[in-house]
Amino acid sequence: MKKLGIAFLVVTLALFSLAGCTTTDRGKTQAQGTAVGAAAGAGFGAIIGGIFGGGRGVAIGALTGAAVGAAAGHAYGTHVANEKEKYAAEEDWLDACLASAQEVNQETREYNATLAQEIDQMDRETAQLAAAYRNKKAQKTALVKKREVVEAKLKKAREKLDYARWELQNQQKVLADAKRSGKRQYVKSLENEIQELKQYVAELEAHTESLASLSNRMAV
């Protein structure tokens, strides 16, 4: 465990030092993304390396994980830098991010409300249809068609869930960026939007589980 901590610390300090030495905003954003990705990759790689390779595996795992994480982090940092360059000032960029968070929250809230009603209706319909099929009062094709409807709803719900999770991850990174930049006027607003989105994501997760259960009920 001690070796794991040392390996993780060395890689983390090295990469964050690199981020701190960058002078341009674009370069800083890219370097920060690289540093964060490398640090996370180093920690994960060290843990895996320690499990399978002992002390030597810790070091190898940390370095390998850092390389992979750095590449992913640099890609994300480049994406953020490209988006930032579309705006005249960092405040404009943060305003756009905050507006995006608010929009996604509203869309997810409304989608959850509609989906909850649809699930209630489909729950009653599938229960009745399954009972009718067991009593030989409904054909198998009726269950197959109803399951196709449920599966379509489930597919869309999962897509919505993936997008909401992606937005949540991005907003958490924007919040960290606002904190680093000392933009206190944005921090509280972003924190509120993030907390709200977490709630909607949890609700949407529950809805997808309900839809999956309905689909299984229709399996024949």
C-alpha atoms as a PDB file:
ATOM      1  CA  MET A   1       0.000   0.000   0.000  1.00  0.00           C
ATOM      2  CA  LYS A   2       2.891   2.361   0.797  1.00  0.00           C
ATOM      3  CA  LYS A   3       4.485   1.731  -2.602  1.00  0.00           C
ATOM      4  CA  LEU A   4       1.143   2.294  -4.284  1.00  0.00           C
ATOM      5  CA  GLY A   5       0.791   5.662  -2.575  1.00  0.00           C
ATOM      6  CA  ILE A   6       4.313   6.727  -3.504  1.00  0.00           C
ATOM      7  CA  ALA A   7       3.872   5.781  -7.157  1.00  0.00           C
ATOM      8  CA  PHE A   8       0.570   7.591  -7.356  1.00  0.00           C
ATOM      9  CA  LEU A   9       2.004  10.679  -5.657  1.00  0.00           C
ATOM     10  CA  VAL A  10       5.022  10.892  -7.936  1.00  0.00           C
ATOM     11  CA  VAL A  11       2.989  10.731 -11.127  1.00  0.00           C
ATOM     12  CA  THR A  12       0.355  13.128  -9.800  1.00  0.00           C
ATOM     13  CA  LEU A  13       2.859  15.777  -8.720  1.00  0.00           C
ATOM     14  CA  ALA A  14       4.753  15.527 -11.980  1.00  0.00           C
ATOM     15  CA  LEU A  15       1.688  15.994 -14.139  1.00  0.00           C
ATOM     16  CA  PHE A  16       0.164  18.794 -12.076  1.00  0.00           C
ATOM     17  CA  SER A  17       3.521  20.584 -12.183  1.00  0.00           C
ATOM     18  CA  LEU A  18       3.304  20.380 -15.950  1.00  0.00           C
ATOM     19  CA  ALA A  19      -0.167  21.914 -15.852  1.00  0.00           C
ATOM     20  CA  GLY A  20       1.026  24.748 -13.647  1.00  0.00           C
ATOM     21  CA  CYS A  21       3.885  25.686 -15.989  1.00  0.00           C
ATOM     22  CA  THR A  22       1.657  26.316 -19.002  1.00  0.00           C
ATOM     23  CA  THR A  23       1.170  29.995 -19.764  1.00  0.00           C
ATOM     24  CA  THR A  24      -1.660  30.157 -22.330  1.00  0.00           C
ATOM     25  CA  ASP A  25      -5.283  29.524 -21.394  1.00  0.00           C
ATOM     26  CA  ARG A  26      -5.589  26.898 -24.129  1.00  0.00           C
ATOM     27  CA  GLY A  27      -2.382  25.195 -23.071  1.00  0.00           C
ATOM     28  CA  LYS A  28      -3.393  25.376 -19.430  1.00  0.00           C
ATOM     29  CA  THR A  29      -6.744  23.750 -20.139  1.00  0.00           C
ATOM     30  CA  GLN A  30      -5.100  20.983 -22.149  1.00  0.00           C
ATOM     31  CA  ALA A  31      -2.437  20.438 -19.502  1.00  0.00           C
ATOM     32  CA  GLN A  32      -5.007  20.358 -16.694  1.00  0.00           C
ATOM     33  CA  GLY A  33      -7.015  17.771 -18.573  1.00  0.00           C
ATOM     34  CA  THR A  34      -3.852  15.751 -19.161  1.00  0.00           C
ATOM     35  CA  ALA A  35      -2.861  16.016 -15.503  1.00  0.00           C
ATOM     36  CA  VAL A  36      -6.222  14.986 -14.151  1.00  0.00           C
ATOM     37  CA  GLY A  37      -6.481  12.088 -16.583  1.00  0.00           C
ATOM     38  CA  ALA A  38      -2.959  10.933 -15.811  1.00  0.00           C
ATOM     39  CA  ALA A  39      -3.495  11.146 -12.052  1.00  0.00           C
ATOM     40  CA  ALA A  40      -6.699   9.150 -12.244  1.00  0.00           C
ATOM     41  CA  GLY A  41      -5.123   6.621 -14.600  1.00  0.00           C
ATOM     42  CA  ALA A  42      -2.070   6.285 -12.386  1.00  0.00           C
ATOM     43  CA  GLY A  43      -4.171   5.578  -9.316  1.00  0.00           C
ATOM     44  CA  PHE A  44      -6.270   2.963 -11.073  1.00  0.00           C
ATOM     45  CA  GLY A  45      -3.285   1.386 -12.790  1.00  0.00           C
ATOM     46  CA  ALA A  46      -1.358   1.195  -9.536  1.00  0.00           C
ATOM     47  CA  ILE A  47      -4.216  -0.575  -7.801  1.00  0.00           C
ATOM     48  CA  ILE A  48      -4.571  -3.138 -10.590  1.00  0.00           C
ATOM     49  CA  GLY A  49      -0.808  -3.562 -10.840  1.00  0.00           C
ATOM     50  CA  GLY A  50      -0.548  -4.102  -7.099  1.00  0.00           C
ATOM     51  CA  ILE A  51      -3.212  -6.786  -7.177  1.00  0.00           C
ATOM     52  CA  PHE A  52      -1.622  -8.786  -9.956  1.00  0.00           C
ATOM     53  CA  GLY A  53       2.058  -7.870  -9.783  1.00  0.00           C
ATOM     54  CA  GLY A  54       2.988  -6.930  -6.249  1.00  0.00           C
ATOM     55  CA  GLY A  55       5.330  -4.017  -5.613  1.00  0.00           C
ATOM     56  CA  ARG A  56       6.797  -3.988  -9.125  1.00  0.00           C
ATOM     57  CA  GLY A  57       3.312  -4.208 -10.570  1.00  0.00           C
ATOM     58  CA  VAL A  58       2.330  -1.069  -8.672  1.00  0.00           C
ATOM     59  CA  ALA A  59       4.981   1.012 -10.413  1.00  0.00           C
ATOM     60  CA  ILE A  60       4.325  -0.482 -13.849  1.00  0.00           C
ATOM     61  CA  GLY A  61       0.577  -0.148 -13.418  1.00  0.00           C
ATOM     62  CA  ALA A  62       0.867   3.462 -12.287  1.00  0.00           C
ATOM     63  CA  LEU A  63       3.000   4.465 -15.272  1.00  0.00           C
ATOM     64  CA  THR A  64       0.848   2.587 -17.779  1.00  0.00           C
ATOM     65  CA  GLY A  65      -2.357   3.974 -16.287  1.00  0.00           C
ATOM     66  CA  ALA A  66      -0.886   7.465 -16.301  1.00  0.00           C
ATOM     67  CA  ALA A  67      -0.082   7.227 -20.010  1.00  0.00           C
ATOM     68  CA  VAL A  68      -3.567   6.040 -20.919  1.00  0.00           C
ATOM     69  CA  GLY A  69      -5.245   8.550 -18.627  1.00  0.00           C
ATOM     70  CA  ALA A  70      -3.069  11.390 -19.917  1.00  0.00           C
ATOM     71  CA  ALA A  71      -4.116  10.683 -23.506  1.00  0.00           C
ATOM     72  CA  ALA A  72      -7.806  10.693 -22.577  1.00  0.00           C
ATOM     73  CA  GLY A  73      -7.389  13.776 -20.402  1.00  0.00           C
ATOM     74  CA  HIS A  74      -5.527  15.653 -23.120  1.00  0.00           C
ATOM     75  CA  ALA A  75      -8.306  14.858 -25.597  1.00  0.00           C
ATOM     76  CA  TYR A  76     -10.894  16.210 -23.195  1.00  0.00           C
ATOM     77  CA  GLY A  77      -8.756  19.269 -22.439  1.00  0.00           C
ATOM     78  CA  THR A  78      -8.387  19.990 -26.145  1.00  0.00           C
ATOM     79  CA  HIS A  79     -12.154  19.714 -26.609  1.00  0.00           C
ATOM     80  CA  VAL A  80     -12.785  22.139 -23.748  1.00  0.00           C
ATOM     81  CA  ALA A  81     -10.129  24.520 -25.074  1.00  0.00           C
ATOM     82  CA  ASN A  82     -11.754  24.504 -28.524  1.00  0.00           C
ATOM     83  CA  GLU A  83     -15.142  25.264 -26.985  1.00  0.00           C
ATOM     84  CA  LYS A  84     -13.723  28.040 -24.798  1.00  0.00           C
ATOM     85  CA  GLU A  85     -12.178  29.754 -27.807  1.00  0.00           C
ATOM     86  CA  LYS A  86     -15.668  30.359 -29.202  1.00  0.00           C
ATOM     87  CA  TYR A  87     -16.277  32.846 -26.389  1.00  0.00           C
ATOM     88  CA  ALA A  88     -14.718  36.273 -25.829  1.00  0.00           C
ATOM     89  CA  ALA A  89     -14.210  35.830 -22.087  1.00  0.00           C
ATOM     90  CA  GLU A  90     -14.227  33.042 -19.533  1.00  0.00           C
ATOM     91  CA  GLU A  91     -17.398  34.515 -18.029  1.00  0.00           C
ATOM     92  CA  ASP A  92     -19.144  34.023 -21.373  1.00  0.00           C
ATOM     93  CA  TRP A  93     -17.971  30.402 -21.395  1.00  0.00           C
ATOM     94  CA  LEU A  94     -19.248  29.811 -17.867  1.00  0.00           C
ATOM     95  CA  ASP A  95     -22.551  31.503 -18.707  1.00  0.00           C
ATOM     96  CA  ALA A  96     -22.953  29.093 -21.621  1.00  0.00           C
ATOM     97  CA  CYS A  97     -22.135  26.091 -19.423  1.00  0.00           C
ATOM     98  CA  LEU A  98     -24.603  27.216 -16.776  1.00  0.00           C
ATOM     99  CA  ALA A  99     -27.299  27.723 -19.405  1.00  0.00           C
ATOM    100  CA  SER A 100     -26.609  24.240 -20.762  1.00  0.00           C
ATOM    101  CA  ALA A 101     -26.958  22.736 -17.279  1.00  0.00           C
ATOM    102  CA  GLN A 102     -30.268  24.522 -16.748  1.00  0.00           C
ATOM    103  CA  GLU A 103     -31.572  23.360 -20.116  1.00  0.00           C
ATOM    104  CA  VAL A 104     -30.626  19.729 -19.511  1.00  0.00           C
ATOM    105  CA  ASN A 105     -32.176  19.857 -16.043  1.00  0.00           C
ATOM    106  CA  GLN A 106     -35.451  21.148 -17.433  1.00  0.00           C
ATOM    107  CA  GLU A 107     -35.511  18.597 -20.256  1.00  0.00           C
ATOM    108  CA  THR A 108     -34.673  15.703 -17.923  1.00  0.00           C
ATOM    109  CA  ARG A 109     -37.230  16.804 -15.335  1.00  0.00           C
ATOM    110  CA  GLU A 110     -39.982  17.002 -17.955  1.00  0.00           C
ATOM    111  CA  TYR A 111     -38.928  13.706 -19.540  1.00  0.00           C
ATOM    112  CA  ASN A 112     -38.986  11.954 -16.150  1.00  0.00           C
ATOM    113  CA  ALA A 113     -42.476  13.259 -15.405  1.00  0.00           C
ATOM    114  CA  THR A 114     -43.830  12.079 -18.756  1.00  0.00           C
ATOM    115  CA  LEU A 115     -42.052   8.741 -18.573  1.00  0.00           C
ATOM    116  CA  ALA A 116     -43.371   8.053 -15.068  1.00  0.00           C
ATOM    117  CA  GLN A 117     -46.944   8.394 -16.336  1.00  0.00           C
ATOM    118  CA  GLU A 118     -46.226   6.192 -19.343  1.00  0.00           C
ATOM    119  CA  ILE A 119     -44.682   3.517 -17.138  1.00  0.00           C
ATOM    120  CA  ASP A 120     -47.744   3.479 -14.870  1.00  0.00           C
ATOM    121  CA  GLN A 121     -49.993   2.975 -17.868  1.00  0.00           C
ATOM    122  CA  MET A 122     -47.773   0.302 -19.430  1.00  0.00           C
ATOM    123  CA  ASP A 123     -47.522  -1.469 -16.079  1.00  0.00           C
ATOM    124  CA  ARG A 124     -51.305  -1.883 -15.948  1.00  0.00           C
ATOM    125  CA  GLU A 125     -51.534  -2.878 -19.600  1.00  0.00           C
ATOM    126  CA  THR A 126     -48.728  -5.436 -19.462  1.00  0.00           C
ATOM    127  CA  ALA A 127     -50.128  -6.982 -16.273  1.00  0.00           C
ATOM    128  CA  GLN A 128     -53.536  -7.390 -17.883  1.00  0.00           C
ATOM    129  CA  LEU A 129     -52.048  -8.750 -21.109  1.00  0.00           C
ATOM    130  CA  ALA A 130     -49.809 -11.228 -19.291  1.00  0.00           C
ATOM    131  CA  ALA A 131     -52.763 -12.479 -17.266  1.00  0.00           C
ATOM    132  CA  ALA A 132     -54.886 -12.823 -20.415  1.00  0.00           C
ATOM    133  CA  TYR A 133     -52.109 -14.787 -22.110  1.00  0.00           C
ATOM    134  CA  ARG A 134     -51.815 -17.164 -19.154  1.00  0.00           C
ATOM    135  CA  ASN A 135     -55.567 -17.719 -19.320  1.00  0.00           C
ATOM    136  CA  LYS A 136     -55.322 -18.281 -23.082  1.00  0.00           C
ATOM    137  CA  LYS A 137     -57.376 -15.161 -23.799  1.00  0.00           C
ATOM    138  CA  ALA A 138     -54.557 -13.374 -25.643  1.00  0.00           C
ATOM    139  CA  GLN A 139     -52.212 -14.421 -28.421  1.00  0.00           C
ATOM    140  CA  LYS A 140     -48.448 -14.569 -28.140  1.00  0.00           C
ATOM    141  CA  THR A 141     -48.158 -11.969 -30.885  1.00  0.00           C
ATOM    142  CA  ALA A 142     -49.938  -9.452 -28.638  1.00  0.00           C
ATOM    143  CA  LEU A 143     -47.244  -9.864 -25.964  1.00  0.00           C
ATOM    144  CA  VAL A 144     -44.490  -9.608 -28.567  1.00  0.00           C
ATOM    145  CA  LYS A 145     -45.895  -6.337 -29.910  1.00  0.00           C
ATOM    146  CA  LYS A 146     -46.337  -4.882 -26.432  1.00  0.00           C
ATOM    147  CA  ARG A 147     -42.790  -5.860 -25.546  1.00  0.00           C
ATOM    148  CA  GLU A 148     -41.513  -4.094 -28.654  1.00  0.00           C
ATOM    149  CA  VAL A 149     -43.220  -0.913 -27.458  1.00  0.00           C
ATOM    150  CA  VAL A 150     -41.654  -1.262 -24.007  1.00  0.00           C
ATOM    151  CA  GLU A 151     -38.226  -2.008 -25.516  1.00  0.00           C
ATOM    152  CA  ALA A 152     -38.430   1.122 -27.653  1.00  0.00           C
ATOM    153  CA  LYS A 153     -39.209   3.197 -24.558  1.00  0.00           C
ATOM    154  CA  LEU A 154     -36.345   1.509 -22.717  1.00  0.00           C
ATOM    155  CA  LYS A 155     -33.881   2.240 -25.523  1.00  0.00           C
ATOM    156  CA  LYS A 156     -34.809   5.919 -25.570  1.00  0.00           C
ATOM    157  CA  ALA A 157     -34.686   6.139 -21.761  1.00  0.00           C
ATOM    158  CA  ARG A 158     -31.187   4.675 -21.735  1.00  0.00           C
ATOM    159  CA  GLU A 159     -30.068   7.170 -24.362  1.00  0.00           C
ATOM    160  CA  LYS A 160     -31.482   9.999 -22.266  1.00  0.00           C
ATOM    161  CA  LEU A 161     -29.759   8.570 -19.206  1.00  0.00           C
ATOM    162  CA  ASP A 162     -26.401   8.357 -20.969  1.00  0.00           C
ATOM    163  CA  TYR A 163     -26.711  11.957 -22.099  1.00  0.00           C
ATOM    164  CA  ALA A 164     -27.706  13.173 -18.622  1.00  0.00           C
ATOM    165  CA  ARG A 165     -24.741  11.337 -17.089  1.00  0.00           C
ATOM    166  CA  TRP A 166     -22.423  12.838 -19.702  1.00  0.00           C
ATOM    167  CA  GLU A 167     -23.748  16.320 -18.964  1.00  0.00           C
ATOM    168  CA  LEU A 168     -23.315  15.702 -15.234  1.00  0.00           C
ATOM    169  CA  GLN A 169     -19.669  14.746 -15.697  1.00  0.00           C
ATOM    170  CA  ASN A 170     -19.032  17.807 -17.850  1.00  0.00           C
ATOM    171  CA  GLN A 171     -20.703  20.177 -15.395  1.00  0.00           C
ATOM    172  CA  GLN A 172     -18.628  18.753 -12.542  1.00  0.00           C
ATOM    173  CA  LYS A 173     -15.502  19.537 -14.561  1.00  0.00           C
ATOM    174  CA  VAL A 174     -16.791  23.037 -15.308  1.00  0.00           C
ATOM    175  CA  LEU A 175     -17.416  23.541 -11.588  1.00  0.00           C
ATOM    176  CA  ALA A 176     -13.851  22.518 -10.805  1.00  0.00           C
ATOM    177  CA  ASP A 177     -12.635  24.939 -13.474  1.00  0.00           C
ATOM    178  CA  ALA A 178     -14.701  27.772 -11.974  1.00  0.00           C
ATOM    179  CA  LYS A 179     -13.267  27.061  -8.527  1.00  0.00           C
ATOM    180  CA  ARG A 180      -9.698  27.069  -9.852  1.00  0.00           C
ATOM    181  CA  SER A 181     -10.328  30.370 -11.633  1.00  0.00           C
ATOM    182  CA  GLY A 182     -11.854  31.958  -8.550  1.00  0.00           C
ATOM    183  CA  LYS A 183     -15.196  32.604 -10.282  1.00  0.00           C
ATOM    184  CA  ARG A 184     -17.176  32.446  -7.069  1.00  0.00           C
ATOM    185  CA  GLN A 185     -20.288  33.975  -8.608  1.00  0.00           C
ATOM    186  CA  TYR A 186     -20.664  30.809 -10.719  1.00  0.00           C
ATOM    187  CA  VAL A 187     -19.712  28.169  -8.171  1.00  0.00           C
ATOM    188  CA  LYS A 188     -22.931  28.159  -6.136  1.00  0.00           C
ATOM    189  CA  SER A 189     -25.161  28.217  -9.215  1.00  0.00           C
ATOM    190  CA  LEU A 190     -23.264  25.325 -10.795  1.00  0.00           C
ATOM    191  CA  GLU A 191     -23.371  23.361  -7.545  1.00  0.00           C
ATOM    192  CA  ASN A 192     -27.154  23.783  -7.391  1.00  0.00           C
ATOM    193  CA  GLU A 193     -27.626  22.673 -11.005  1.00  0.00           C
ATOM    194  CA  ILE A 194     -25.342  19.671 -10.483  1.00  0.00           C
ATOM    195  CA  GLN A 195     -27.193  18.591  -7.358  1.00  0.00           C
ATOM    196  CA  GLU A 196     -30.503  18.879  -9.193  1.00  0.00           C
ATOM    197  CA  LEU A 197     -29.215  16.887 -12.157  1.00  0.00           C
ATOM    198  CA  LYS A 198     -27.962  14.130  -9.840  1.00  0.00           C
ATOM    199  CA  GLN A 199     -31.518  13.771  -8.553  1.00  0.00           C
ATOM    200  CA  TYR A 200     -32.945  13.570 -12.078  1.00  0.00           C
ATOM    201  CA  VAL A 201     -30.320  11.028 -13.102  1.00  0.00           C
ATOM    202  CA  ALA A 202     -31.274   8.835 -10.121  1.00  0.00           C
ATOM    203  CA  GLU A 203     -34.951   9.085 -11.087  1.00  0.00           C
ATOM    204  CA  LEU A 204     -34.172   8.203 -14.694  1.00  0.00           C
ATOM    205  CA  GLU A 205     -32.112   5.209 -13.550  1.00  0.00           C
ATOM    206  CA  ALA A 206     -35.130   3.970 -11.598  1.00  0.00           C
ATOM    207  CA  HIS A 207     -37.354   4.446 -14.657  1.00  0.00           C
ATOM    208  CA  THR A 208     -35.031   2.399 -16.862  1.00  0.00           C
ATOM    209  CA  GLU A 209     -35.064  -0.389 -14.288  1.00  0.00           C
ATOM    210  CA  SER A 210     -38.871  -0.329 -14.272  1.00  0.00           C
ATOM    211  CA  LEU A 211     -38.970  -0.512 -18.067  1.00  0.00           C
ATOM    212  CA  ALA A 212     -36.530  -3.417 -18.071  1.00  0.00           C
ATOM    213  CA  SER A 213     -38.777  -5.212 -15.576  1.00  0.00           C
ATOM    214  CA  LEU A 214     -41.822  -4.630 -17.779  1.00  0.00           C
ATOM    215  CA  SER A 215     -39.933  -6.000 -20.762  1.00  0.00           C
ATOM    216  CA  ASN A 216     -39.029  -9.144 -18.850  1.00  0.00           C
ATOM    217  CA  ARG A 217     -42.688  -9.573 -17.902  1.00  0.00           C
ATOM    218  CA  MET A 218     -43.550  -9.748 -21.600  1.00  0.00           C
ATOM    219  CA  ALA A 219     -40.923 -12.397 -22.412  1.00  0.00           C
ATOM    220  CA  VAL A 220     -42.568 -15.536 -23.795  1.00  0.00           C
END
